[in-house]
Amino acid sequence: MYAYDTYDRAIVDARVEEFREQVGRRLRGELTEEEFKPLRLMNGLYLQLHAYMLRVAIPYGTLSSNQLRRLAHIARRYDKGYGHFTTRQNIQYNWPKLVETPDMLAELADVEMHAIQTSGNCIRNVTTDHFAGAAADEVADPRPYAELIRQWSSFHPEFSFLPRKFKIAVTGAPSDRAAVKWHDIGLVLKRDDTGQIGFEVLAGGGMGRTPVIGKTIRDFLPEKDLLSYLEAMLRIYNEQGRRDNKYKARIKILVDALGADKYAAQVEAEWEKIRHQPIDVPEEEIARIQAYFSPPPLPVLDDAAATVDAFAAENGDFSLWVAHNTHAHKVPGHVSVTISLKPHGGIPGDATDAQMDLVADLADAYSQGEIRVSHEQNLILPHVARKDLPGLWQRLLPAALASANAGLITDIIACPGLDYCALANARSIPIAQEIANRFDDMKRITDIGALKIKISGCINSCGHHHAGHIGILGVDRKGKENYQIMLGGSGAEDASKAQLIGPGFDGEAIVDAVETVVAVYLGERTEEEIFLDTYRRIGPDPFKEALYGTH
C-alpha cells in the first residue's frame, strides 16, 4: 500500500487545521451557510436532508486493517455506529455533528486518510478493479497508476475548478471490473507487441441524465506519457466545457458535440505542445510508487482441494459461498474473497462499526492486513489462502457477512436515495430491501444466476442504474414516488446502456415488476445464458408484453 511522504502529511495536516478554523467561523456566525458551502465541500462535507454527511476518500479502494479500524472507531464515536460504502469506493458518514467534523478529519489524518476532493468540480477519487494486484487475469496492477494520477491531480492549479466534477477509472485486466467505459476518462492497461506497458484511453463516458458510453480516443499510450496526455485531455475540456449549464457541463457533452475524432485530434495537438515539458514523472519516481504495491510474499500452496471440498460437502451454504464469493488469484493456492455487504434484507453498502472491526481482524489473520472496497459496495480480502476458507467463513457467519450472493440478484447496488439525499426524488434503500426479501431463497437465487440490479433515487445515477442488467430509476410523478424499469445495461467490458421499457410503477408494484422480468428471462433463456445474454438475444418485446400486455 502507498504510505504518506512528508509532503502528503504536511498537506493533509494543514487542511485539517484550516477547516477547523472555518468550522469555528461558521459556528460563531461569522460565515453564512452559503459562504461556508464551498469551504465544506472542499473537505467532503455535504448538507443532506437531515444532517451533514462526510465523504471520506479511499483512493483506488485500498485500505489497511489499521485504517478500517479507524473508520469503525469514527462510526462509533462520531456517527450512529455505521458507515456507508459507495460506488466510488469511498465511505460516507451520514450523521456527523458539524462541531466534530474537524476532529473526524484529524482522526483520519492520523492513519493517512482524508476527505479532500471527494466533492466539488475537481478530479474525484480515482477508482480501479477491486481485485487489482491479485487477479489471475491481470496484465498489470493498475493501482500505482491510480496513485500517480492522485498525486498529479490533487490541488492541480488548472483543474481545481473544472466545469463539472470529473471521474477517472483504471483497469489492469481484460475483464473490466472498474466500469471504465462509464467514466469521464477510462484507462485500460495493455501491452504492445514488444511487451511495453501502455493504456487504451477512453473519453466522454458518464451516467446522469445523459448516459453515454466512453469512446476510445487512443488505442495505445505509452506508460511514460500518461500524465502529459491526461493534462492535454483536461485542458481541452477545461477550455471548452460548458459553464453556463451544469446539466451540460460534463466532458461527455463536449465529446459528443465535437465528435470523438475531433476531440481526439484537439487532444493530440495540445499534447504535442506540452509532451516534452517536465510534466511526466521520472522513471525512478514511478519505480518508487510501484514499490509500495509490490505483491505480498505469498507462497505457492497446494490448493487444499480435498480439505475444502470435504468441508463444502458437509456445508452447502459454504459451498455456495466459495462458488460465488471467491475469485481466481495469480498465486496458486490463493483466492480473493468478496465479503458481501448485502445481507438478507439489509441496506446495500452499510457496515457497522463491529463489522468493520471484524473485517480488519480477518484481514490481519487471512489477507496480509489488506482490504479493498468495490464499486459494487462490498469489501474484499484480496490475498486469502484457499485452505483458510472454512475458518474465514465460520468467522463471517455470526456477523451477517457470509451472504453467498456476489454478482447475483440480491447483490444490489443502491444509492442512499430519499432517506438521506437532498437531491433524490424517491427512496432506493427500501426498494432494494424489498427485492432482496422477495428473492430470499438461495436455491432460487443461484438458479437465476448472474444478474445485476442497480437502483438510483434520482436522475444523477449514483446507483448506476444505466449500467444495470435491470436498472431501476426513482422519479417524482405528481408528488408520488414512481419507479422506471430499464433493461440490458452493463458496466463491464461489453458496456451497454440500459433501455427504458415503459411506464413506471409505484413502490408496491415495482417488486412484482422485477419478478415478472425475471420470470420472462427464466422462461426464455437457453442453458448457458445469463440474464444479459437472453435480453440481448430476444430484445425488449417479451418483457414489455409481460409487464404491460403490449409491445
Protein backbone atom coordinates (compact mmCIF):
# COMPACT_ATOMS: atom_id res chain seq x y z
CA MET A 1 0.00 0.00 0.00
CA TYR A 2 1.07 3.58 -0.58
CA ALA A 3 2.38 5.36 2.53
CA TYR A 4 2.33 9.13 3.00
CA ASP A 5 5.56 11.00 2.46
CA THR A 6 6.34 14.26 4.26
CA TYR A 7 4.53 16.29 1.61
CA ASP A 8 1.33 14.25 1.89
CA ARG A 9 1.27 14.58 5.67
CA ALA A 10 2.01 18.30 5.68
CA ILE A 11 -0.77 18.96 3.15
CA VAL A 12 -3.38 16.89 4.97
CA ASP A 13 -2.48 18.25 8.43
CA ALA A 14 -2.61 21.84 7.15
CA ARG A 15 -6.01 21.22 5.56
CA VAL A 16 -7.41 19.86 8.85
CA GLU A 17 -6.36 22.95 10.78
CA GLU A 18 -7.64 25.26 8.05
CA PHE A 19 -11.02 23.53 8.13
CA ARG A 20 -11.13 23.65 11.94
CA GLU A 21 -10.87 27.44 11.73
CA GLN A 22 -13.55 27.59 9.02
CA VAL A 23 -15.98 25.48 11.07
CA GLY A 24 -15.33 27.73 14.06
CA ARG A 25 -16.24 30.78 11.99
CA ARG A 26 -19.45 29.10 10.83
CA LEU A 27 -20.45 28.13 14.37
CA ARG A 28 -19.78 31.68 15.60
CA GLY A 29 -21.99 33.08 12.85
CA GLU A 30 -19.13 34.77 11.04
CA LEU A 31 -19.95 32.76 7.91
CA THR A 32 -23.40 32.15 6.50
CA GLU A 33 -24.27 28.65 5.29
CA GLU A 34 -23.97 29.89 1.71
CA GLU A 35 -20.49 31.28 2.41
CA PHE A 36 -19.50 28.12 4.24
CA LYS A 37 -20.75 25.78 1.49
CA PRO A 38 -17.76 25.96 -0.91
CA LEU A 39 -15.38 25.58 2.03
CA ARG A 40 -17.06 22.49 3.45
CA LEU A 41 -17.43 20.88 0.03
CA MET A 42 -13.67 21.15 -0.48
CA ASN A 43 -13.43 18.90 2.58
CA GLY A 44 -16.07 16.36 1.58
CA LEU A 45 -18.80 17.73 3.86
CA TYR A 46 -22.30 17.81 2.36
CA LEU A 47 -25.59 19.03 3.82
CA GLN A 48 -28.16 16.30 3.27
CA LEU A 49 -31.86 16.06 4.12
CA HIS A 50 -31.47 15.56 7.85
CA ALA A 51 -27.85 16.26 8.73
CA TYR A 52 -24.38 16.85 7.37
CA MET A 53 -22.69 13.96 5.56
CA LEU A 54 -18.92 13.43 5.42
CA ARG A 55 -17.50 11.56 2.44
CA VAL A 56 -14.06 10.07 3.08
CA ALA A 57 -11.69 9.21 0.26
CA ILE A 58 -10.45 5.65 -0.10
CA PRO A 59 -8.00 6.03 -3.01
CA TYR A 60 -8.50 3.24 -5.57
CA GLY A 61 -10.45 1.36 -2.89
CA THR A 62 -7.44 0.11 -0.94
CA LEU A 63 -7.43 0.03 2.88
CA SER A 64 -5.13 -1.32 5.55
CA SER A 65 -6.57 -3.09 8.56
CA ASN A 66 -5.45 -0.17 10.72
CA GLN A 67 -7.33 2.28 8.51
CA LEU A 68 -10.50 0.19 8.57
CA ARG A 69 -10.34 0.06 12.37
CA ARG A 70 -10.14 3.83 12.41
CA LEU A 71 -13.19 4.05 10.14
CA ALA A 72 -15.00 1.78 12.60
CA HIS A 73 -13.93 4.00 15.51
CA ILE A 74 -15.19 7.11 13.71
CA ALA A 75 -18.55 5.43 13.06
CA ARG A 76 -18.80 4.55 16.75
CA ARG A 77 -17.54 7.86 18.17
CA TYR A 78 -18.93 10.44 15.76
CA ASP A 79 -21.84 8.79 13.93
CA LYS A 80 -24.57 6.26 14.66
CA GLY A 81 -22.37 3.19 14.60
CA TYR A 82 -22.15 2.52 10.87
CA GLY A 83 -20.72 3.79 7.60
CA HIS A 84 -21.94 3.54 4.02
CA PHE A 85 -19.51 2.29 1.33
CA THR A 86 -20.23 3.92 -2.02
CA THR A 87 -19.97 3.18 -5.73
CA ARG A 88 -16.91 5.48 -5.83
CA GLN A 89 -15.05 3.14 -3.42
CA ASN A 90 -15.41 5.75 -0.65
CA ILE A 91 -17.19 5.70 2.71
CA GLN A 92 -19.84 8.15 3.89
CA TYR A 93 -20.92 9.06 7.41
CA ASN A 94 -24.49 10.29 7.43
CA TRP A 95 -24.91 11.83 10.90
CA PRO A 96 -21.81 13.82 11.97
CA LYS A 97 -22.12 16.92 14.12
CA LEU A 98 -20.61 19.96 12.44
CA VAL A 99 -18.59 20.89 15.52
CA GLU A 100 -16.94 17.46 15.49
CA THR A 101 -16.08 17.23 11.77
CA PRO A 102 -12.57 18.73 12.19
CA ASP A 103 -11.86 16.09 14.84
CA MET A 104 -13.04 13.41 12.41
CA LEU A 105 -10.63 14.72 9.77
CA ALA A 106 -7.80 14.80 12.33
CA GLU A 107 -8.51 11.17 13.25
CA LEU A 108 -8.41 10.27 9.57
CA ALA A 109 -5.12 12.12 9.07
CA ASP A 110 -3.56 10.02 11.83
CA VAL A 111 -3.99 6.93 9.61
CA GLU A 112 -3.13 8.64 6.31
CA MET A 113 -6.69 9.31 5.16
CA HIS A 114 -8.63 12.44 4.25
CA ALA A 115 -11.77 13.79 2.57
CA ILE A 116 -10.06 16.06 0.04
CA GLN A 117 -11.54 16.17 -3.48
CA THR A 118 -14.46 13.93 -2.61
CA SER A 119 -16.67 16.80 -3.72
CA GLY A 120 -16.58 19.84 -5.97
CA ASN A 121 -15.76 20.39 -9.63
CA CYS A 122 -12.41 18.67 -9.50
CA ILE A 123 -10.92 15.26 -10.21
CA ARG A 124 -12.58 12.90 -7.72
CA ASN A 125 -11.30 9.67 -6.21
CA VAL A 126 -9.63 7.57 -8.92
CA THR A 127 -11.18 4.10 -8.91
CA THR A 128 -9.98 0.74 -10.12
CA ASP A 129 -10.51 -3.03 -10.07
CA HIS A 130 -11.16 -4.27 -6.54
CA PHE A 131 -9.05 -7.37 -7.33
CA ALA A 132 -6.11 -5.25 -8.51
CA GLY A 133 -2.70 -6.74 -7.77
CA ALA A 134 -4.24 -10.16 -7.13
CA ALA A 135 -6.40 -11.14 -10.12
CA ALA A 136 -5.20 -14.05 -12.22
CA ASP A 137 -6.28 -12.33 -15.45
CA GLU A 138 -4.41 -9.09 -14.75
CA VAL A 139 -2.00 -7.55 -17.28
CA ALA A 140 -0.51 -5.29 -14.61
CA ASP A 141 -1.54 -3.79 -11.27
CA PRO A 142 -3.39 -0.54 -12.03
CA ARG A 143 -3.07 0.92 -8.52
CA PRO A 144 0.39 2.53 -8.96
CA TYR A 145 -1.02 4.47 -11.91
CA ALA A 146 -4.11 5.42 -9.93
CA GLU A 147 -1.81 6.71 -7.16
CA LEU A 148 0.25 8.62 -9.71
CA ILE A 149 -2.92 10.25 -11.01
CA ARG A 150 -3.99 11.05 -7.44
CA GLN A 151 -0.73 12.84 -6.74
CA TRP A 152 -0.83 14.70 -10.05
CA SER A 153 -4.46 15.78 -9.71
CA SER A 154 -4.54 16.78 -6.02
CA PHE A 155 -4.68 20.58 -5.86
CA HIS A 156 -3.73 20.83 -9.55
CA PRO A 157 -3.89 24.60 -10.17
CA GLU A 158 -5.52 24.27 -13.59
CA PHE A 159 -8.05 21.60 -12.68
CA SER A 160 -9.35 22.55 -9.23
CA PHE A 161 -12.35 24.39 -10.70
CA LEU A 162 -13.41 22.41 -13.74
CA PRO A 163 -16.76 22.95 -15.49
CA ARG A 164 -18.08 19.95 -13.54
CA LYS A 165 -16.91 17.04 -11.37
CA PHE A 166 -14.52 14.68 -13.13
CA LYS A 167 -14.09 10.93 -12.68
CA ILE A 168 -11.25 8.65 -13.84
CA ALA A 169 -11.10 4.83 -13.64
CA VAL A 170 -8.24 2.46 -14.45
CA THR A 171 -8.37 -1.28 -15.06
CA GLY A 172 -5.48 -3.67 -15.45
CA ALA A 173 -7.38 -6.69 -16.77
CA PRO A 174 -9.31 -7.52 -19.94
CA SER A 175 -12.34 -8.23 -17.73
CA ASP A 176 -13.40 -4.72 -16.82
CA ARG A 177 -14.35 -4.64 -13.14
CA ALA A 178 -13.92 -0.86 -12.86
CA ALA A 179 -16.59 0.27 -15.37
CA VAL A 180 -14.02 2.37 -17.26
CA LYS A 181 -16.36 2.99 -20.20
CA TRP A 182 -18.76 4.84 -17.90
CA HIS A 183 -16.16 7.41 -16.78
CA ASP A 184 -15.06 10.83 -17.96
CA ILE A 185 -11.71 9.20 -18.66
CA GLY A 186 -11.19 5.44 -18.72
CA LEU A 187 -7.78 3.78 -18.89
CA VAL A 188 -7.20 0.14 -19.83
CA LEU A 189 -3.72 -1.25 -19.17
CA LYS A 190 -2.29 -3.17 -22.11
CA ARG A 191 0.99 -4.50 -23.50
CA ASP A 192 2.02 -3.81 -27.08
CA ASP A 193 3.73 -6.32 -29.38
CA THR A 194 7.09 -5.63 -27.70
CA GLY A 195 5.71 -6.18 -24.22
CA GLN A 196 5.72 -2.49 -23.33
CA ILE A 197 3.08 -1.32 -20.85
CA GLY A 198 0.64 1.34 -22.01
CA PHE A 199 -3.01 2.37 -21.99
CA GLU A 200 -6.05 2.36 -24.19
CA VAL A 201 -7.56 5.78 -23.48
CA LEU A 202 -11.32 6.38 -23.46
CA ALA A 203 -13.13 9.69 -23.01
CA GLY A 204 -16.63 11.03 -22.63
CA GLY A 205 -18.36 8.32 -20.63
CA GLY A 206 -20.82 9.07 -17.87
CA MET A 207 -24.23 8.46 -16.40
CA GLY A 208 -26.66 11.05 -15.06
CA ARG A 209 -29.48 12.48 -17.14
CA THR A 210 -27.48 11.93 -20.34
CA PRO A 211 -25.91 8.44 -20.17
CA VAL A 212 -23.04 7.96 -22.61
CA ILE A 213 -20.55 5.13 -23.09
CA GLY A 214 -16.98 6.39 -23.44
CA LYS A 215 -15.17 6.24 -26.76
CA THR A 216 -11.61 5.19 -27.44
CA ILE A 217 -9.52 8.19 -28.48
CA ARG A 218 -6.14 6.45 -28.41
CA ASP A 219 -5.52 2.73 -28.84
CA PHE A 220 -2.15 2.72 -27.10
CA LEU A 221 -0.49 5.39 -24.98
CA PRO A 222 2.97 4.51 -23.64
CA GLU A 223 3.24 4.40 -19.87
CA LYS A 224 5.75 7.27 -19.74
CA ASP A 225 3.31 9.64 -21.44
CA LEU A 226 0.36 9.11 -19.10
CA LEU A 227 0.32 12.39 -17.20
CA SER A 228 1.12 14.70 -20.12
CA TYR A 229 -1.67 13.09 -22.15
CA LEU A 230 -4.15 13.43 -19.28
CA GLU A 231 -3.05 17.04 -18.94
CA ALA A 232 -3.88 17.64 -22.60
CA MET A 233 -7.27 15.95 -22.24
CA LEU A 234 -8.19 18.03 -19.21
CA ARG A 235 -7.00 21.25 -20.83
CA ILE A 236 -9.29 20.82 -23.83
CA TYR A 237 -12.20 20.07 -21.53
CA ASN A 238 -11.39 22.94 -19.16
CA GLU A 239 -11.21 25.40 -22.05
CA GLN A 240 -14.29 24.26 -23.96
CA GLY A 241 -16.54 22.57 -21.41
CA ARG A 242 -19.77 24.46 -20.77
CA ARG A 243 -20.06 26.51 -17.59
CA ASP A 244 -23.43 28.10 -18.39
CA ASN A 245 -25.47 24.96 -17.70
CA LYS A 246 -24.38 22.37 -15.12
CA TYR A 247 -26.50 19.72 -16.84
CA LYS A 248 -24.41 20.11 -19.98
CA ALA A 249 -21.05 20.69 -18.34
CA ARG A 250 -19.61 17.15 -18.26
CA ILE A 251 -16.96 16.11 -20.74
CA LYS A 252 -19.38 13.64 -22.34
CA ILE A 253 -21.34 16.62 -23.69
CA LEU A 254 -18.19 18.17 -25.16
CA VAL A 255 -17.02 14.92 -26.76
CA ASP A 256 -20.49 14.36 -28.21
CA ALA A 257 -20.70 17.92 -29.54
CA LEU A 258 -17.25 17.83 -31.15
CA GLY A 259 -17.32 14.18 -32.11
CA ALA A 260 -14.77 11.76 -30.65
CA ASP A 261 -12.42 12.11 -33.63
CA LYS A 262 -12.30 15.90 -33.43
CA TYR A 263 -11.86 15.86 -29.66
CA ALA A 264 -9.03 13.33 -30.04
CA ALA A 265 -7.39 15.50 -32.68
CA GLN A 266 -7.51 18.52 -30.40
CA VAL A 267 -6.03 16.49 -27.56
CA GLU A 268 -3.22 15.25 -29.78
CA ALA A 269 -2.47 18.81 -30.91
CA GLU A 270 -2.37 20.07 -27.33
CA TRP A 271 -0.27 17.09 -26.30
CA GLU A 272 2.32 17.89 -28.97
CA LYS A 273 2.72 21.33 -27.39
CA ILE A 274 3.33 20.04 -23.87
CA ARG A 275 4.59 16.47 -24.06
CA HIS A 276 8.27 17.49 -24.00
CA GLN A 277 7.79 19.71 -20.96
CA PRO A 278 8.58 18.27 -17.49
CA ILE A 279 5.07 17.01 -16.80
CA ASP A 280 5.57 13.28 -16.71
CA VAL A 281 7.41 11.96 -13.68
CA PRO A 282 10.91 10.44 -13.81
CA GLU A 283 11.19 6.67 -14.07
CA GLU A 284 12.70 6.49 -10.59
CA GLU A 285 9.60 8.14 -9.11
CA ILE A 286 7.32 5.66 -10.90
CA ALA A 287 9.51 2.87 -9.52
CA ARG A 288 9.25 4.36 -6.01
CA ILE A 289 5.46 4.38 -6.17
CA GLN A 290 5.30 0.89 -7.69
CA ALA A 291 7.42 -0.44 -4.84
CA TYR A 292 4.59 0.35 -2.42
CA PHE A 293 2.37 -2.01 -4.39
CA SER A 294 4.76 -4.93 -4.59
CA PRO A 295 2.82 -8.18 -4.27
CA PRO A 296 2.91 -9.68 -0.78
CA PRO A 297 5.28 -12.63 -0.40
CA LEU A 298 2.67 -15.33 -0.83
CA PRO A 299 3.94 -18.91 -1.02
CA VAL A 300 2.71 -21.18 -3.78
CA LEU A 301 0.42 -23.57 -1.93
CA ASP A 302 -1.27 -26.84 -2.55
CA ASP A 303 -4.82 -25.57 -3.02
CA ALA A 304 -6.06 -27.91 -0.26
CA ALA A 305 -8.85 -29.01 -2.58
CA ALA A 306 -9.59 -32.22 -0.68
CA THR A 307 -9.92 -30.47 2.70
CA VAL A 308 -12.02 -27.59 1.38
CA ASP A 309 -14.19 -29.90 -0.72
CA ALA A 310 -14.79 -32.17 2.25
CA PHE A 311 -15.93 -29.22 4.35
CA ALA A 312 -18.10 -27.98 1.46
CA ALA A 313 -19.72 -31.41 1.14
CA GLU A 314 -20.94 -31.10 4.71
CA ASN A 315 -21.87 -27.40 4.46
CA GLY A 316 -23.98 -26.46 1.47
CA ASP A 317 -24.01 -22.77 2.40
CA PHE A 318 -20.22 -22.74 2.49
CA SER A 319 -20.08 -24.46 -0.89
CA LEU A 320 -22.28 -21.74 -2.42
CA TRP A 321 -20.20 -19.02 -0.77
CA VAL A 322 -16.99 -20.41 -2.26
CA ALA A 323 -18.63 -20.69 -5.68
CA HIS A 324 -19.96 -17.12 -5.71
CA ASN A 325 -17.70 -15.09 -3.43
CA THR A 326 -14.18 -16.17 -4.36
CA HIS A 327 -12.13 -15.05 -7.34
CA ALA A 328 -9.08 -16.59 -9.01
CA HIS A 329 -5.74 -15.34 -7.65
CA LYS A 330 -2.48 -15.08 -9.57
CA VAL A 331 -0.65 -17.11 -6.89
CA PRO A 332 -1.66 -20.79 -6.86
CA GLY A 333 -3.45 -21.87 -3.70
CA HIS A 334 -4.90 -18.42 -3.03
CA VAL A 335 -8.13 -16.58 -3.86
CA SER A 336 -9.67 -13.14 -3.39
CA VAL A 337 -12.79 -13.17 -1.23
CA THR A 338 -15.80 -10.88 -1.57
CA ILE A 339 -17.41 -10.05 1.77
CA SER A 340 -20.96 -9.16 0.84
CA LEU A 341 -22.45 -6.06 2.43
CA LYS A 342 -25.85 -7.19 1.12
CA PRO A 343 -27.23 -9.44 3.87
CA HIS A 344 -30.78 -10.65 3.56
CA GLY A 345 -32.98 -7.53 3.71
CA GLY A 346 -30.03 -5.30 4.63
CA ILE A 347 -29.06 -1.84 3.39
CA PRO A 348 -26.65 -2.19 0.46
CA GLY A 349 -23.18 -0.91 1.31
CA ASP A 350 -23.75 -0.32 5.03
CA ALA A 351 -21.33 -1.79 7.57
CA THR A 352 -21.50 -1.41 11.33
CA ASP A 353 -18.52 -0.47 13.45
CA ALA A 354 -18.39 -4.04 14.79
CA GLN A 355 -18.42 -5.47 11.28
CA MET A 356 -15.61 -3.16 10.19
CA ASP A 357 -13.54 -4.14 13.23
CA LEU A 358 -14.11 -7.81 12.44
CA VAL A 359 -13.11 -7.42 8.78
CA ALA A 360 -9.94 -5.62 9.91
CA ASP A 361 -9.12 -8.55 12.21
CA LEU A 362 -9.82 -11.03 9.43
CA ALA A 363 -7.60 -9.06 7.06
CA ASP A 364 -4.74 -9.41 9.53
CA ALA A 365 -5.43 -13.11 10.04
CA TYR A 366 -6.04 -14.12 6.44
CA SER A 367 -5.18 -11.36 3.90
CA GLN A 368 -1.88 -9.66 4.66
CA GLY A 369 -3.68 -6.87 6.52
CA GLU A 370 -5.29 -5.55 3.32
CA ILE A 371 -8.90 -4.79 2.37
CA ARG A 372 -10.48 -3.44 -0.80
CA VAL A 373 -13.75 -1.59 -1.36
CA SER A 374 -15.55 -2.47 -4.59
CA HIS A 375 -17.69 -0.08 -6.63
CA GLU A 376 -20.39 -2.68 -6.10
CA GLN A 377 -20.45 -1.69 -2.40
CA ASN A 378 -18.79 -4.80 -0.98
CA LEU A 379 -15.50 -5.42 0.82
CA ILE A 380 -12.73 -7.67 -0.50
CA LEU A 381 -9.97 -9.66 1.18
CA PRO A 382 -7.57 -9.87 -1.78
CA HIS A 383 -4.99 -12.45 -0.62
CA VAL A 384 -6.57 -15.45 1.13
CA ALA A 385 -5.07 -18.95 1.17
CA ARG A 386 -7.69 -21.38 -0.09
CA LYS A 387 -7.00 -23.68 2.84
CA ASP A 388 -8.20 -20.91 5.19
CA LEU A 389 -11.63 -20.50 3.58
CA PRO A 390 -13.55 -22.70 6.06
CA GLY A 391 -12.15 -20.81 9.05
CA LEU A 392 -12.78 -17.42 7.44
CA TRP A 393 -16.36 -18.32 6.52
CA GLN A 394 -17.11 -19.53 10.04
CA ARG A 395 -15.96 -16.19 11.46
CA LEU A 396 -18.05 -14.22 8.96
CA LEU A 397 -21.27 -16.14 9.66
CA PRO A 398 -22.27 -14.71 13.07
CA ALA A 399 -21.58 -11.16 11.84
CA ALA A 400 -24.05 -11.41 8.91
CA LEU A 401 -21.14 -11.08 6.49
CA ALA A 402 -21.30 -14.52 4.83
CA SER A 403 -24.02 -13.91 2.24
CA ALA A 404 -23.16 -16.06 -0.79
CA ASN A 405 -24.65 -13.62 -3.30
CA ALA A 406 -21.78 -11.79 -5.01
CA GLY A 407 -22.88 -10.99 -8.56
CA LEU A 408 -26.37 -12.42 -8.03
CA ILE A 409 -29.81 -10.83 -7.90
CA THR A 410 -29.63 -9.76 -4.23
CA ASP A 411 -26.18 -8.19 -4.62
CA ILE A 412 -27.95 -4.92 -5.36
CA ILE A 413 -26.28 -1.55 -5.86
CA ALA A 414 -28.37 1.27 -4.42
CA CYS A 415 -27.78 4.93 -3.68
CA PRO A 416 -28.93 6.41 -0.32
CA GLY A 417 -31.99 7.88 -2.08
CA LEU A 418 -34.67 9.94 -0.42
CA ASP A 419 -33.90 8.50 3.02
CA TYR A 420 -30.81 10.73 3.10
CA CYS A 421 -30.12 12.64 -0.10
CA ALA A 422 -31.42 16.17 -0.71
CA LEU A 423 -31.29 15.60 -4.48
CA ALA A 424 -33.32 12.39 -4.56
CA ASN A 425 -36.90 12.08 -5.82
CA ALA A 426 -37.58 8.60 -4.45
CA ARG A 427 -36.34 6.07 -1.94
CA SER A 428 -33.82 3.46 -3.07
CA ILE A 429 -32.99 1.58 0.11
CA PRO A 430 -36.48 0.18 0.86
CA ILE A 431 -36.87 -0.96 -2.75
CA ALA A 432 -33.55 -2.82 -2.57
CA GLN A 433 -34.60 -4.41 0.70
CA GLU A 434 -37.99 -5.49 -0.64
CA ILE A 435 -36.44 -7.04 -3.75
CA ALA A 436 -33.94 -8.92 -1.58
CA ASN A 437 -36.76 -10.14 0.63
CA ARG A 438 -38.74 -11.32 -2.38
CA PHE A 439 -35.80 -13.35 -3.68
CA ASP A 440 -34.91 -14.87 -0.33
CA ASP A 441 -34.33 -18.49 -1.33
CA MET A 442 -30.69 -19.32 -2.08
CA LYS A 443 -31.59 -22.15 -4.44
CA ARG A 444 -33.74 -19.75 -6.46
CA ILE A 445 -31.08 -17.03 -6.40
CA THR A 446 -28.47 -19.47 -7.65
CA ASP A 447 -30.75 -20.77 -10.39
CA ILE A 448 -31.35 -17.22 -11.66
CA GLY A 449 -27.59 -16.77 -11.94
CA ALA A 450 -25.60 -13.63 -12.67
CA LEU A 451 -27.98 -10.68 -12.61
CA LYS A 452 -27.05 -7.15 -11.59
CA ILE A 453 -29.81 -4.88 -10.23
CA LYS A 454 -28.87 -1.23 -9.77
CA ILE A 455 -31.16 1.38 -8.21
CA SER A 456 -30.98 5.19 -8.23
CA GLY A 457 -33.29 7.57 -6.41
CA CYS A 458 -32.86 10.31 -8.99
CA ILE A 459 -31.51 11.03 -12.45
CA ASN A 460 -28.00 11.69 -11.12
CA SER A 461 -27.45 7.91 -11.26
CA CYS A 462 -25.40 7.38 -8.12
CA GLY A 463 -26.82 3.85 -8.12
CA HIS A 464 -25.56 3.25 -11.68
CA HIS A 465 -29.00 2.20 -12.96
CA HIS A 466 -27.97 2.83 -16.58
CA ALA A 467 -25.42 0.01 -16.26
CA GLY A 468 -27.76 -2.48 -14.59
CA HIS A 469 -28.91 -5.68 -16.22
CA ILE A 470 -32.07 -4.45 -14.50
CA GLY A 471 -31.88 -0.75 -13.75
CA ILE A 472 -34.45 0.99 -11.57
CA LEU A 473 -34.81 4.78 -11.54
CA GLY A 474 -36.93 6.50 -8.92
CA VAL A 475 -38.71 9.65 -10.12
CA ASP A 476 -41.33 12.04 -8.77
CA ARG A 477 -44.65 11.63 -10.55
CA LYS A 478 -47.22 14.17 -9.41
CA GLY A 479 -45.84 14.14 -5.89
CA LYS A 480 -45.58 10.36 -5.62
CA GLU A 481 -42.61 8.05 -5.91
CA ASN A 482 -42.56 6.21 -9.22
CA TYR A 483 -40.04 3.63 -10.42
CA GLN A 484 -39.00 3.14 -14.03
CA ILE A 485 -37.53 -0.17 -15.23
CA MET A 486 -34.61 -0.27 -17.63
CA LEU A 487 -33.12 -3.44 -19.08
CA GLY A 488 -29.93 -4.53 -20.77
CA GLY A 489 -27.24 -2.35 -19.23
CA SER A 490 -23.68 -3.40 -18.48
CA GLY A 491 -20.71 -1.79 -16.76
CA ALA A 492 -18.23 -4.43 -17.92
CA GLU A 493 -16.02 -4.61 -21.00
CA ASP A 494 -19.19 -5.20 -23.05
CA ALA A 495 -20.64 -1.92 -21.73
CA SER A 496 -24.17 -1.11 -22.82
CA LYS A 497 -26.82 1.40 -21.82
CA ALA A 498 -29.99 0.05 -20.22
CA GLN A 499 -33.15 0.88 -22.17
CA LEU A 500 -36.37 2.18 -20.64
CA ILE A 501 -39.07 -0.47 -21.06
CA GLY A 502 -42.23 1.53 -20.43
CA PRO A 503 -44.24 3.43 -17.81
CA GLY A 504 -43.09 3.27 -14.21
CA PHE A 505 -44.56 1.51 -11.18
CA ASP A 506 -45.37 2.67 -7.68
CA GLY A 507 -43.38 1.45 -4.71
CA GLU A 508 -45.64 -1.52 -4.09
CA ALA A 509 -45.73 -2.73 -7.70
CA ILE A 510 -42.06 -2.37 -8.60
CA VAL A 511 -41.03 -5.58 -6.82
CA ASP A 512 -43.73 -7.52 -8.68
CA ALA A 513 -42.45 -5.98 -11.91
CA VAL A 514 -38.91 -7.18 -11.20
CA GLU A 515 -40.24 -10.66 -10.52
CA THR A 516 -42.12 -10.56 -13.84
CA VAL A 517 -38.94 -9.59 -15.70
CA VAL A 518 -37.05 -12.45 -14.05
CA ALA A 519 -39.84 -14.91 -14.92
CA VAL A 520 -39.65 -13.93 -18.61
CA TYR A 521 -35.90 -14.48 -18.56
CA LEU A 522 -36.20 -17.89 -16.92
CA GLY A 523 -38.77 -18.93 -19.49
CA GLU A 524 -36.74 -17.74 -22.48
CA ARG A 525 -33.12 -18.48 -21.58
CA THR A 526 -31.02 -21.22 -23.08
CA GLU A 527 -28.97 -23.48 -20.87
CA GLU A 528 -25.81 -21.37 -20.78
CA GLU A 529 -27.33 -17.88 -20.85
CA ILE A 530 -27.26 -15.32 -18.07
CA PHE A 531 -29.92 -12.59 -17.98
CA LEU A 532 -27.97 -10.13 -20.12
CA ASP A 533 -27.37 -12.73 -22.83
CA THR A 534 -31.07 -13.57 -23.02
CA TYR A 535 -32.13 -9.92 -23.13
CA ARG A 536 -29.70 -9.17 -25.93
CA ARG A 537 -30.93 -12.17 -27.89
CA ILE A 538 -34.70 -11.70 -27.57
CA GLY A 539 -34.89 -7.92 -27.14
CA PRO A 540 -37.35 -5.93 -25.03
CA ASP A 541 -40.68 -7.03 -26.54
CA PRO A 542 -41.30 -10.20 -24.46
CA PHE A 543 -40.62 -8.21 -21.30
CA LYS A 544 -42.94 -5.38 -22.39
CA GLU A 545 -45.67 -7.90 -23.18
CA ALA A 546 -45.39 -9.46 -19.73
CA LEU A 547 -45.26 -6.13 -17.92
CA TYR A 548 -47.83 -4.14 -19.88
CA GLY A 549 -49.69 -6.60 -22.10
CA THR A 550 -48.43 -4.85 -25.22
CA HIS A 551 -45.29 -4.26 -27.23
